[in-house]
Amino acid sequence: MKSIDTLPIDNRGTVLLVDDESMVRKSTQKWLQLAGFEVIECDSAIQALTYIDEAFSGIVVSDVKMPEMDGLALLDEVVSRVPGLPVVLVTGHGDVDMAINAMRQGAYDFIEKPFNPERLVETIQRACEKRRLMLENLKLQQHLASSSGIDSRLIGMSASIQRLKKEILNLAEMDTNVIIYGETGTGKELVAQSLHEYSNRNKAHFVPINCGAIPESLIESELFGHEAGAFTGAAKRRIGKFEYASGGTLFLDEIESMPLNLQIKLLRALQEGVIERLGGNQPIPVDLRVIAAAKTDLREEERFREDLFYRLNVSQLHIPPLRDRIEDVPLLFEHYVRMTSEDHHKEQRHFPEQDIRTLQGYQWPGNVRELKNIAMRYALDKRLSVADILFPQESQLSSSAITAESGQPLAVQVARFEEEVLRLSLQEHKGNIKAVMDQLDLPRRTLNQKMAKYGLNRADYTD
């Protein structure tokens, strides 16, 4: 397969124009070229197929009625070779049933002659955008498949994440204390793990502790351990996180929430390289690297000791929020969908261009953690779009709304709306045919006929 990196993608896109009538083909070609598209002419479907493979960067616009191989047969062959490649069919002999069948076979759109040139250009532009997104998605898949080392841990190709990877690899070798700054869900622990794994301490333990998740009465024992009888319930000696991490790395997440009295003990341990277990008097030497993480600048925290800040602040790393590297969103989403599918032995979903637009148009206040959760739900329920998950109420309203489509025959629009109503009802009732019949007031035979017409399968909607 050709590498997607080498594909020449025009600003407006490439159109493979297939029509056996020379005059129609030439006039359409000129119109599309004036609109800014690169056009490849073909006088037959057989000739057109010589251009079709996974690396073809354009779309297909084909007449239906042609000798040897007609447009519908061409559509079948294109779909089998490159699933999802947009094919727009144009005919003067079409009817509603042909349009619906063509859509079911995988046609991107269906336009009747004589067509409005502006309508054709608009459709082609949308189809080219879909193809561009498909190629970007394929490029992401190739990148994931070839990733290794830190690229397989910190996923992204944006300038900010590439810079972060370089900083991690440089700091990993220095064996200094580090403060990691980042919003909730950006992956601070993953960055800390990477610092550990690429350091000389990677043979010893990486020990994470969330300072904000442990009750203040227990955090001292958690960090420094305790001797038997040190307090009620301390039946035996316990090794603390500092001692357990000796030789390796201690990661203190949400360090800004650490109690003030414990900050003093932490500072002493870092300065002297020794600790004492709670209830004990024996100094215990420790050799470790401390990586701290905070959501905001520790210098702005009134209850955080300045001397401890300077002890920790030998180096800093700043993780960009996901909204500032939105180009990485499809790659991350693809990664988590693939992981979830493999973990649950499900066939991986391939998300359409509308889902990609929704992903890239969202601000991701929960950052990568939120994206991972959305990807898991998306992978496990193929009935849901990204919008269904992110905006459930708005999605339900927009899905059930009737909107007119310019240039489409009324019968085609009615058929599409009917299909959507059936799909929503099946989804709402989880494939319960009796409930769908009652809600839509349809006889069983009529419902079966309509489900067959639109390719709706009850099994796709059951839990």
Protein backbone atom coordinates (compact mmCIF):
# COMPACT_ATOMS: atom_id res chain seq x y z
CA MET A 1 0.00 0.00 0.00
CA LYS A 2 1.29 3.47 -0.84
CA SER A 3 2.23 5.74 2.06
CA ILE A 4 -0.38 8.40 2.69
CA ASP A 5 2.39 10.91 3.43
CA THR A 6 3.16 11.05 -0.30
CA LEU A 7 -0.37 11.83 -1.45
CA PRO A 8 -0.79 15.16 -3.29
CA ILE A 9 -4.08 16.54 -1.91
CA ASP A 10 -5.30 19.67 -3.71
CA ASN A 11 -6.88 22.49 -1.73
CA ARG A 12 -10.30 21.78 -3.24
CA GLY A 13 -9.74 18.12 -4.12
CA THR A 14 -9.40 15.76 -7.06
CA VAL A 15 -12.41 14.51 -9.04
CA LEU A 16 -12.38 11.34 -11.15
CA LEU A 17 -15.10 12.24 -13.68
CA VAL A 18 -16.63 9.22 -15.47
CA ASP A 19 -19.05 9.70 -18.40
CA ASP A 20 -19.20 8.07 -21.82
CA GLU A 21 -20.72 11.20 -23.41
CA SER A 22 -17.81 13.40 -24.48
CA MET A 23 -19.73 16.68 -24.61
CA VAL A 24 -21.21 16.26 -21.13
CA ARG A 25 -17.85 15.15 -19.74
CA LYS A 26 -15.97 18.12 -21.22
CA SER A 27 -18.48 20.73 -20.07
CA THR A 28 -18.61 19.29 -16.56
CA GLN A 29 -14.82 19.14 -16.45
CA LYS A 30 -14.51 22.83 -17.33
CA TRP A 31 -17.09 23.82 -14.75
CA LEU A 32 -15.32 21.86 -12.01
CA GLN A 33 -11.90 23.21 -12.98
CA LEU A 34 -13.26 26.76 -12.78
CA ALA A 35 -14.50 25.88 -9.30
CA GLY A 36 -10.95 24.95 -8.31
CA PHE A 37 -10.97 21.14 -8.55
CA GLU A 38 -8.41 18.97 -10.29
CA VAL A 39 -10.31 16.77 -12.77
CA ILE A 40 -9.29 13.41 -14.21
CA GLU A 41 -11.45 12.45 -17.21
CA CYS A 42 -12.51 8.87 -17.93
CA ASP A 43 -14.83 7.75 -20.73
CA SER A 44 -15.61 4.39 -19.10
CA ALA A 45 -15.84 2.72 -15.73
CA ILE A 46 -13.09 0.29 -16.77
CA GLN A 47 -10.69 3.18 -17.31
CA ALA A 48 -11.73 4.81 -14.02
CA LEU A 49 -10.89 1.67 -12.05
CA THR A 50 -7.24 1.94 -13.07
CA TYR A 51 -7.00 4.97 -10.74
CA ILE A 52 -8.78 3.44 -7.76
CA ASP A 53 -6.73 2.16 -4.82
CA GLU A 54 -6.33 3.10 -1.16
CA ALA A 55 -3.88 5.87 -2.03
CA PHE A 56 -6.22 7.62 -4.50
CA SER A 57 -6.74 11.05 -2.93
CA GLY A 58 -9.87 12.10 -4.80
CA ILE A 59 -13.52 11.17 -5.23
CA VAL A 60 -15.55 9.65 -8.07
CA VAL A 61 -18.34 11.40 -9.99
CA SER A 62 -19.94 8.96 -12.42
CA ASP A 63 -22.84 8.76 -14.82
CA VAL A 64 -25.09 5.74 -14.21
CA LYS A 65 -26.04 4.69 -17.73
CA MET A 66 -22.86 3.60 -19.51
CA PRO A 67 -21.96 0.64 -21.76
CA GLU A 68 -19.92 -2.36 -20.53
CA MET A 69 -20.04 -1.36 -16.86
CA ASP A 70 -22.62 1.09 -15.54
CA GLY A 71 -22.30 3.48 -12.61
CA LEU A 72 -23.90 1.15 -10.09
CA ALA A 73 -21.46 -1.63 -10.98
CA LEU A 74 -18.62 0.89 -10.73
CA LEU A 75 -19.93 1.89 -7.30
CA ASP A 76 -19.85 -1.74 -6.15
CA GLU A 77 -16.28 -2.19 -7.33
CA VAL A 78 -15.07 1.09 -5.78
CA VAL A 79 -16.70 0.24 -2.43
CA SER A 80 -15.09 -3.21 -2.45
CA ARG A 81 -11.64 -1.79 -3.24
CA VAL A 82 -11.70 1.30 -0.99
CA PRO A 83 -14.58 1.24 1.50
CA GLY A 84 -15.85 4.74 2.20
CA LEU A 85 -14.36 6.40 -0.89
CA PRO A 86 -17.08 8.92 -1.90
CA VAL A 87 -18.91 8.12 -5.14
CA VAL A 88 -21.43 10.64 -6.50
CA LEU A 89 -23.79 9.19 -9.12
CA VAL A 90 -25.35 11.36 -11.83
CA THR A 91 -28.13 10.19 -14.14
CA GLY A 92 -31.02 11.38 -16.24
CA HIS A 93 -32.79 8.06 -15.88
CA GLY A 94 -32.93 7.72 -12.12
CA ASP A 95 -35.91 7.23 -9.87
CA VAL A 96 -36.45 7.18 -6.13
CA ASP A 97 -35.87 3.43 -5.76
CA MET A 98 -32.59 3.68 -7.67
CA ALA A 99 -31.50 6.59 -5.49
CA ILE A 100 -32.29 4.73 -2.28
CA ASN A 101 -30.60 1.54 -3.52
CA ALA A 102 -27.52 3.50 -4.54
CA MET A 103 -27.34 5.08 -1.08
CA ARG A 104 -27.68 1.66 0.53
CA GLN A 105 -24.85 0.36 -1.67
CA GLY A 106 -22.61 3.12 -0.40
CA ALA A 107 -23.06 6.05 -2.79
CA TYR A 108 -22.16 9.39 -1.21
CA ASP A 109 -24.92 11.21 -3.09
CA PHE A 110 -27.24 10.88 -6.07
CA ILE A 111 -27.93 13.77 -8.45
CA GLU A 112 -30.42 13.80 -11.32
CA LYS A 113 -29.85 15.43 -14.71
CA PRO A 114 -30.27 18.21 -15.60
CA PHE A 115 -28.43 19.19 -12.45
CA ASN A 116 -27.75 22.58 -10.94
CA PRO A 117 -23.96 23.13 -11.36
CA GLU A 118 -23.75 24.94 -8.01
CA ARG A 119 -25.46 21.98 -6.35
CA LEU A 120 -22.96 19.59 -7.97
CA VAL A 121 -19.99 21.70 -6.84
CA GLU A 122 -21.36 21.87 -3.30
CA THR A 123 -21.81 18.09 -3.17
CA ILE A 124 -18.34 17.45 -4.60
CA GLN A 125 -16.75 19.84 -2.12
CA ARG A 126 -18.36 17.98 0.80
CA ALA A 127 -17.31 14.63 -0.69
CA CYS A 128 -13.71 15.83 -1.10
CA GLU A 129 -13.67 16.97 2.51
CA LYS A 130 -14.85 13.52 3.55
CA ARG A 131 -12.05 11.90 1.52
CA ARG A 132 -9.49 14.25 3.01
CA LEU A 133 -10.60 13.27 6.51
CA MET A 134 -10.50 9.57 5.55
CA LEU A 135 -6.91 9.93 4.38
CA GLU A 136 -5.98 11.78 7.56
CA ASN A 137 -7.53 8.95 9.56
CA LEU A 138 -5.57 6.37 7.55
CA LYS A 139 -2.41 8.37 8.14
CA LEU A 140 -3.17 8.33 11.87
CA GLN A 141 -3.59 4.55 11.78
CA GLN A 142 -0.25 4.18 10.00
CA HIS A 143 1.36 6.44 12.59
CA LEU A 144 -0.08 4.41 15.48
CA ALA A 145 1.01 1.13 13.88
CA SER A 146 4.58 2.37 13.43
CA SER A 147 4.91 4.13 16.79
CA SER A 148 7.41 2.88 19.31
CA GLY A 149 9.23 4.20 22.35
CA ILE A 150 7.88 7.43 23.76
CA ASP A 151 5.70 7.94 20.65
CA SER A 152 3.67 4.90 21.65
CA ARG A 153 3.15 6.28 25.18
CA LEU A 154 2.52 9.96 24.51
CA ILE A 155 0.31 9.99 21.45
CA GLY A 156 0.23 13.04 19.22
CA MET A 157 1.89 14.74 16.27
CA SER A 158 1.27 18.40 17.16
CA ALA A 159 4.22 20.72 17.67
CA SER A 160 3.43 21.12 21.39
CA ILE A 161 3.36 17.40 22.15
CA GLN A 162 6.50 16.76 20.08
CA ARG A 163 8.25 19.46 22.09
CA LEU A 164 7.04 17.86 25.34
CA LYS A 165 8.44 14.47 24.27
CA LYS A 166 11.88 16.00 23.64
CA GLU A 167 11.81 17.76 27.01
CA ILE A 168 10.91 14.49 28.76
CA LEU A 169 13.76 12.59 27.13
CA ASN A 170 16.23 15.36 28.02
CA LEU A 171 15.05 15.64 31.65
CA ALA A 172 14.89 11.88 32.16
CA GLU A 173 18.67 11.65 32.00
CA MET A 174 19.29 14.55 34.43
CA ASP A 175 17.91 12.83 37.55
CA THR A 176 16.63 16.12 38.98
CA ASN A 177 13.37 16.84 40.80
CA VAL A 178 10.63 18.02 38.46
CA ILE A 179 7.30 19.83 38.75
CA ILE A 180 4.74 18.91 36.12
CA TYR A 181 1.98 21.43 35.45
CA GLY A 182 -1.20 20.53 33.65
CA GLU A 183 -4.97 20.69 33.87
CA THR A 184 -7.03 17.79 35.19
CA GLY A 185 -7.00 14.90 32.73
CA THR A 186 -3.98 15.98 30.68
CA GLY A 187 -1.91 12.94 31.66
CA LYS A 188 0.47 14.18 34.34
CA GLU A 189 1.02 10.70 35.77
CA LEU A 190 1.75 9.33 32.29
CA VAL A 191 4.40 12.03 31.80
CA ALA A 192 5.88 11.18 35.21
CA GLN A 193 5.98 7.48 34.29
CA SER A 194 7.78 8.39 31.06
CA LEU A 195 10.38 10.39 32.99
CA HIS A 196 10.96 7.33 35.17
CA GLU A 197 11.06 4.77 32.35
CA TYR A 198 13.62 6.71 30.33
CA SER A 199 15.84 7.44 33.34
CA ASN A 200 18.60 5.40 34.96
CA ARG A 201 16.19 4.61 37.79
CA ASN A 202 13.84 2.54 35.61
CA LYS A 203 14.89 -0.77 37.18
CA ALA A 204 13.52 0.39 40.56
CA HIS A 205 9.96 1.31 41.57
CA PHE A 206 7.80 4.12 40.21
CA VAL A 207 5.53 4.98 43.16
CA PRO A 208 2.57 7.33 42.60
CA ILE A 209 0.59 8.93 45.40
CA ASN A 210 -2.28 11.40 45.14
CA CYS A 211 -1.87 13.90 47.95
CA GLY A 212 -5.44 15.12 47.56
CA ALA A 213 -7.03 11.69 47.80
CA ILE A 214 -5.60 10.59 51.17
CA PRO A 215 -7.08 11.85 54.46
CA GLU A 216 -4.77 14.24 56.27
CA SER A 217 -4.65 11.88 59.27
CA LEU A 218 -3.19 9.08 57.14
CA ILE A 219 -0.92 10.82 54.63
CA GLU A 220 2.13 10.99 56.93
CA SER A 221 1.98 7.24 57.54
CA GLU A 222 1.40 6.67 53.83
CA LEU A 223 4.53 8.62 52.89
CA PHE A 224 6.94 7.72 55.70
CA GLY A 225 5.51 4.46 57.07
CA HIS A 226 5.01 3.63 60.75
CA GLU A 227 6.24 1.35 63.48
CA ALA A 228 4.02 -1.16 65.24
CA GLY A 229 1.96 0.60 67.92
CA ALA A 230 2.60 4.07 66.49
CA PHE A 231 -1.14 4.76 66.66
CA THR A 232 -4.37 2.89 67.25
CA GLY A 233 -4.71 0.17 64.65
CA ALA A 234 -0.99 0.07 63.77
CA ALA A 235 -0.54 -3.61 64.57
CA LYS A 236 2.71 -4.03 62.69
CA ARG A 237 5.47 -2.09 60.99
CA ARG A 238 4.59 -0.62 57.59
CA ILE A 239 7.00 0.58 54.88
CA GLY A 240 6.03 4.00 53.51
CA LYS A 241 6.09 5.25 49.94
CA PHE A 242 9.40 7.08 50.39
CA GLU A 243 11.16 3.95 51.55
CA TYR A 244 9.51 1.77 48.92
CA ALA A 245 10.50 4.21 46.16
CA SER A 246 14.14 4.39 47.24
CA GLY A 247 16.33 3.89 44.17
CA GLY A 248 13.43 4.84 41.94
CA THR A 249 10.90 7.65 41.51
CA LEU A 250 8.22 9.05 43.84
CA PHE A 251 5.38 10.85 42.08
CA LEU A 252 3.38 13.29 44.23
CA ASP A 253 0.23 14.27 42.38
CA GLU A 254 -1.85 17.28 43.49
CA ILE A 255 1.01 18.32 45.76
CA GLU A 256 -0.64 21.71 46.29
CA SER A 257 -3.13 19.95 48.61
CA MET A 258 -0.40 18.58 50.93
CA PRO A 259 -0.89 19.76 54.56
CA LEU A 260 1.55 22.44 55.73
CA ASN A 261 3.02 20.36 58.58
CA LEU A 262 3.78 17.53 56.16
CA GLN A 263 5.45 19.93 53.73
CA ILE A 264 8.06 20.60 56.43
CA LYS A 265 8.81 16.88 56.81
CA LEU A 266 8.93 16.43 53.04
CA LEU A 267 11.43 19.29 52.74
CA ARG A 268 13.65 17.75 55.43
CA ALA A 269 13.55 14.35 53.74
CA LEU A 270 14.58 15.90 50.41
CA GLN A 271 17.35 18.00 51.97
CA GLU A 272 18.89 15.29 54.14
CA GLY A 273 18.00 12.16 52.18
CA VAL A 274 16.63 10.45 55.29
CA ILE A 275 13.21 9.73 56.77
CA GLU A 276 11.85 8.41 60.05
CA ARG A 277 8.85 6.14 60.28
CA LEU A 278 5.94 7.41 62.32
CA GLY A 279 6.52 6.30 65.93
CA GLY A 280 10.19 5.52 65.27
CA ASN A 281 13.52 7.22 65.96
CA GLN A 282 15.80 5.41 63.53
CA PRO A 283 16.85 7.55 60.53
CA ILE A 284 16.42 5.64 57.28
CA PRO A 285 18.42 6.80 54.24
CA VAL A 286 16.50 7.11 50.98
CA ASP A 287 17.71 7.81 47.47
CA LEU A 288 14.93 8.80 45.13
CA ARG A 289 13.80 11.27 42.56
CA VAL A 290 10.69 13.29 43.36
CA ILE A 291 8.33 14.33 40.59
CA ALA A 292 5.51 16.60 41.75
CA ALA A 293 2.41 17.57 39.81
CA ALA A 294 0.05 20.51 40.23
CA LYS A 295 -2.81 22.09 38.30
CA THR A 296 -1.70 25.68 39.01
CA ASP A 297 1.55 27.54 39.66
CA LEU A 298 2.74 26.57 43.15
CA ARG A 299 4.14 30.07 43.66
CA GLU A 300 0.56 31.33 43.62
CA GLU A 301 -0.51 28.89 46.36
CA GLU A 302 -0.48 30.77 49.69
CA ARG A 303 -0.34 27.55 51.72
CA PHE A 304 2.60 26.07 49.84
CA ARG A 305 6.05 26.63 51.35
CA GLU A 306 8.38 28.68 49.24
CA ASP A 307 11.48 26.73 50.34
CA LEU A 308 9.82 23.42 49.35
CA PHE A 309 8.86 24.91 46.01
CA TYR A 310 12.48 25.79 45.25
CA ARG A 311 13.64 22.33 46.33
CA LEU A 312 11.22 20.72 43.90
CA ASN A 313 11.45 23.29 41.13
CA VAL A 314 14.76 22.20 39.65
CA SER A 315 12.99 21.56 36.36
CA GLN A 316 9.47 22.09 35.03
CA LEU A 317 7.27 20.49 32.41
CA HIS A 318 4.04 22.01 31.10
CA ILE A 319 1.47 19.71 29.50
CA PRO A 320 -0.71 21.53 26.97
CA PRO A 321 -4.49 21.14 27.35
CA LEU A 322 -6.16 19.11 24.63
CA ARG A 323 -7.96 22.17 23.22
CA ASP A 324 -4.53 23.65 22.38
CA ARG A 325 -3.52 20.58 20.34
CA ILE A 326 -6.84 19.79 18.73
CA GLU A 327 -5.08 18.25 15.72
CA ASP A 328 -4.10 15.33 17.98
CA VAL A 329 -7.72 14.52 18.89
CA PRO A 330 -8.47 12.11 15.99
CA LEU A 331 -5.25 10.20 16.64
CA LEU A 332 -5.98 9.85 20.36
CA PHE A 333 -9.59 8.91 19.69
CA GLU A 334 -8.54 6.28 17.15
CA HIS A 335 -6.06 4.87 19.68
CA TYR A 336 -8.58 4.50 22.50
CA VAL A 337 -11.29 3.12 20.22
CA ARG A 338 -8.85 0.49 18.96
CA MET A 339 -7.70 -0.42 22.48
CA THR A 340 -11.28 -0.75 23.75
CA SER A 341 -12.30 -2.84 20.74
CA GLU A 342 -9.37 -5.21 21.25
CA ASP A 343 -9.99 -5.49 25.01
CA HIS A 344 -13.66 -6.39 24.46
CA HIS A 345 -13.09 -8.51 21.32
CA LYS A 346 -15.24 -6.22 19.18
CA GLU A 347 -14.79 -5.17 15.56
CA GLN A 348 -13.26 -1.71 15.47
CA ARG A 349 -15.50 1.13 14.33
CA HIS A 350 -14.35 3.51 11.61
CA PHE A 351 -15.75 6.92 12.41
CA PRO A 352 -17.25 9.11 9.65
CA GLU A 353 -16.25 12.69 8.85
CA GLN A 354 -19.08 14.15 10.92
CA ASP A 355 -17.72 12.44 14.02
CA ILE A 356 -14.24 13.82 13.31
CA ARG A 357 -15.66 17.35 12.91
CA THR A 358 -17.52 16.99 16.21
CA LEU A 359 -14.36 15.77 17.96
CA GLN A 360 -12.30 18.67 16.67
CA GLY A 361 -15.00 21.25 17.37
CA TYR A 362 -15.29 20.33 21.06
CA GLN A 363 -13.23 22.13 23.73
CA TRP A 364 -12.49 19.03 25.90
CA PRO A 365 -12.65 20.54 29.40
CA GLY A 366 -11.76 17.10 30.81
CA ASN A 367 -8.84 16.75 28.40
CA VAL A 368 -7.48 13.30 27.45
CA ARG A 369 -9.27 11.57 30.33
CA GLU A 370 -12.62 12.79 29.01
CA LEU A 371 -11.71 11.83 25.44
CA LYS A 372 -10.75 8.32 26.57
CA ASN A 373 -14.12 7.83 28.26
CA ILE A 374 -15.99 9.06 25.17
CA ALA A 375 -13.91 6.76 22.94
CA MET A 376 -14.70 3.75 25.13
CA ARG A 377 -18.46 4.38 24.94
CA TYR A 378 -18.21 4.97 21.20
CA ALA A 379 -16.32 1.70 20.66
CA LEU A 380 -18.76 -0.35 22.73
CA ASP A 381 -22.01 0.97 21.23
CA LYS A 382 -21.96 1.31 17.44
CA ARG A 383 -25.40 2.93 17.48
CA LEU A 384 -23.96 6.10 19.02
CA SER A 385 -22.29 8.95 17.19
CA VAL A 386 -19.80 11.24 18.93
CA ALA A 387 -22.51 13.93 19.11
CA ASP A 388 -24.91 11.44 20.73
CA ILE A 389 -22.41 10.96 23.55
CA LEU A 390 -21.18 14.55 23.96
CA PHE A 391 -24.54 16.27 23.48
CA PRO A 392 -27.27 13.69 24.15
CA GLN A 393 -30.17 16.13 24.41
CA GLU A 394 -29.16 18.29 21.45
CA SER A 395 -28.40 15.19 19.37
CA GLN A 396 -31.86 13.74 19.99
CA LEU A 397 -33.48 17.00 18.92
CA SER A 398 -31.41 17.39 15.77
CA SER A 399 -31.83 13.75 14.79
CA SER A 400 -35.61 14.01 14.89
CA ALA A 401 -35.85 17.38 13.13
CA ILE A 402 -37.10 17.61 9.52
CA THR A 403 -34.77 19.66 7.33
CA ALA A 404 -35.10 20.23 3.61
CA GLU A 405 -32.12 19.29 1.44
CA SER A 406 -31.57 21.58 -1.49
CA GLY A 407 -31.55 19.82 -4.83
CA GLN A 408 -32.95 16.51 -3.59
CA PRO A 409 -36.35 15.23 -4.79
CA LEU A 410 -39.08 15.31 -2.15
CA ALA A 411 -39.50 11.54 -2.29
CA VAL A 412 -35.82 10.97 -1.51
CA GLN A 413 -35.97 13.39 1.43
CA VAL A 414 -39.12 11.72 2.74
CA ALA A 415 -37.46 8.31 2.45
CA ARG A 416 -34.41 9.52 4.38
CA PHE A 417 -36.60 10.98 7.12
CA GLU A 418 -38.63 7.76 7.31
CA GLU A 419 -35.42 5.77 7.73
CA GLU A 420 -34.25 8.09 10.51
CA VAL A 421 -37.56 7.80 12.39
CA LEU A 422 -37.36 4.01 12.21
CA ARG A 423 -33.73 4.04 13.38
CA LEU A 424 -34.49 6.31 16.36
CA SER A 425 -37.47 4.19 17.39
CA LEU A 426 -35.43 0.98 17.20
CA GLN A 427 -32.70 2.65 19.22
CA GLU A 428 -35.13 3.96 21.85
CA HIS A 429 -36.79 0.58 22.30
CA LYS A 430 -33.53 -1.41 22.01
CA GLY A 431 -34.78 -3.46 19.05
CA ASN A 432 -38.13 -4.37 20.60
CA ILE A 433 -40.24 -4.79 17.44
CA LYS A 434 -43.58 -4.79 19.31
CA ALA A 435 -42.75 -1.48 21.00
CA VAL A 436 -41.72 0.05 17.64
CA MET A 437 -44.96 -1.16 16.02
CA ASP A 438 -47.00 0.43 18.82
CA GLN A 439 -45.09 3.71 18.80
CA LEU A 440 -45.26 4.18 15.02
CA ASP A 441 -48.67 2.53 14.57
CA LEU A 442 -47.35 0.13 11.92
CA PRO A 443 -48.42 -3.44 11.11
CA ARG A 444 -45.68 -6.06 11.53
CA ARG A 445 -45.46 -6.77 7.80
CA THR A 446 -45.15 -3.08 6.89
CA LEU A 447 -42.46 -2.55 9.52
CA ASN A 448 -40.52 -5.58 8.25
CA GLN A 449 -40.73 -4.30 4.66
CA LYS A 450 -39.49 -0.85 5.63
CA MET A 451 -36.66 -2.22 7.76
CA ALA A 452 -35.57 -4.41 4.84
CA LYS A 453 -35.82 -1.43 2.46
CA TYR A 454 -33.47 0.66 4.60
CA GLY A 455 -31.19 -2.16 5.71
CA LEU A 456 -32.14 -1.85 9.40
CA ASN A 457 -31.39 -4.92 11.50
CA ARG A 458 -33.07 -5.44 14.85
CA ALA A 459 -29.96 -7.15 16.24
CA ASP A 460 -27.97 -3.93 15.87
CA TYR A 461 -30.15 -2.26 18.50
CA THR A 462 -30.40 -4.96 21.15
CA ASP A 463 -28.15 -4.90 24.22
